């Protein structure tokens, strides 16, 4: 079960996401569903059907878990999804 404490160790594909911080001000406010994830990028499908490819390191994401939104700095997410399970994380 995904919780706010262990979200970085889980699969992000399928989660609803909102961009709440970015080095590019135009990207703030992008919402949608995560459809793909690579080492450095997250692909988000917007409600209108278009896709946005965003660099993890340059953004702060807010993921929806049940009724709560969890804010995650993209720098914590950098790395292959399958390797994040093994990675040691400091309290973020």
Protein backbone atom coordinates (compact mmCIF):
# COMPACT_ATOMS: atom_id res chain seq x y z
CA UNK A 1 0.00 0.00 0.00
CA UNK A 2 1.33 3.42 -0.94
CA UNK A 3 1.55 5.88 1.93
CA UNK A 4 3.04 9.39 2.15
CA UNK A 5 6.04 7.91 3.99
CA UNK A 6 6.91 5.31 1.34
CA UNK A 7 5.76 6.89 -1.93
CA UNK A 8 9.30 7.23 -3.31
CA UNK A 9 9.75 3.46 -3.07
CA UNK A 10 6.63 2.66 -5.10
CA UNK A 11 5.52 2.73 -8.72
CA UNK A 12 4.33 6.18 -9.77
CA UNK A 13 2.66 5.16 -13.03
CA UNK A 14 -1.08 5.62 -12.76
CA UNK A 15 -0.99 8.21 -9.99
CA UNK A 16 -2.62 11.60 -10.40
CA UNK A 17 0.03 14.34 -10.32
CA UNK A 18 0.27 18.11 -10.18
CA UNK A 19 3.39 20.25 -10.72
CA UNK A 20 3.73 22.62 -7.76
CA UNK A 21 7.28 23.86 -8.30
CA UNK A 22 9.57 24.18 -11.28
CA UNK A 23 12.61 25.98 -12.62
CA UNK A 24 10.37 26.80 -15.62
CA UNK A 25 7.39 28.82 -14.41
CA UNK A 26 5.26 27.69 -17.40
CA UNK A 27 5.22 24.12 -16.08
CA UNK A 28 3.72 25.00 -12.70
CA UNK A 29 0.11 23.87 -12.58
CA UNK A 30 0.39 21.01 -15.09
CA UNK A 31 -1.93 18.23 -13.94
CA UNK A 32 -2.67 14.75 -15.20
CA UNK A 33 -1.79 11.11 -14.73
CA UNK A 34 1.71 9.59 -14.82
CA UNK A 35 1.90 7.30 -17.86
CA UNK A 36 5.64 6.56 -18.03
CA UNK A 37 8.78 7.06 -16.01
CA UNK A 38 12.45 6.81 -16.94
CA UNK A 39 15.63 7.56 -15.03
CA UNK A 40 15.36 11.33 -15.48
CA UNK A 41 11.90 11.98 -16.93
CA UNK A 42 8.24 11.61 -16.03
CA UNK A 43 5.59 11.52 -18.76
CA UNK A 44 2.26 13.04 -17.76
CA UNK A 45 -0.95 12.62 -19.73
CA UNK A 46 -3.00 15.79 -19.40
CA UNK A 47 -6.82 15.80 -19.26
CA UNK A 48 -6.96 16.99 -22.90
CA UNK A 49 -5.02 13.88 -24.05
CA UNK A 50 -1.68 15.58 -24.73
CA UNK A 51 1.48 14.40 -22.99
CA UNK A 52 4.13 16.40 -21.17
CA UNK A 53 7.66 15.05 -20.64
CA UNK A 54 9.19 16.66 -17.56
CA UNK A 55 12.67 16.32 -16.05
CA UNK A 56 12.39 15.00 -12.49
CA UNK A 57 15.28 17.05 -11.14
CA UNK A 58 13.78 20.41 -12.14
CA UNK A 59 10.30 19.94 -10.67
CA UNK A 60 8.42 19.50 -7.41
CA UNK A 61 5.53 17.08 -7.79
CA UNK A 62 2.37 16.62 -5.77
CA UNK A 63 0.91 13.11 -6.04
CA UNK A 64 -2.63 12.21 -5.03
CA UNK A 65 -2.98 9.29 -2.62
CA UNK A 66 -6.61 8.56 -1.77
CA UNK A 67 -7.82 11.96 -0.57
CA UNK A 68 -4.43 13.44 0.37
CA UNK A 69 -1.82 15.18 -1.78
CA UNK A 70 1.84 14.29 -1.12
CA UNK A 71 4.55 16.75 -2.16
CA UNK A 72 7.80 15.18 -3.44
CA UNK A 73 10.92 16.96 -4.68
CA UNK A 74 11.87 15.49 -8.05
CA UNK A 75 15.54 15.28 -7.02
CA UNK A 76 14.56 12.43 -4.70
CA UNK A 77 12.95 10.57 -7.62
CA UNK A 78 15.96 10.73 -9.98
CA UNK A 79 17.04 7.19 -10.84
CA UNK A 80 15.51 4.18 -12.46
CA UNK A 81 12.20 3.21 -10.87
CA UNK A 82 13.40 -0.34 -10.18
CA UNK A 83 16.49 0.98 -8.35
CA UNK A 84 14.55 3.31 -6.03
CA UNK A 85 13.37 0.27 -4.07
CA UNK A 86 16.93 -0.49 -2.98
CA UNK A 87 18.01 3.11 -2.43
CA UNK A 88 18.51 4.42 1.10
CA UNK A 89 16.58 7.64 1.71
CA UNK A 90 17.05 10.21 4.40
CA UNK A 91 13.89 11.59 5.92
CA UNK A 92 12.46 13.88 3.24
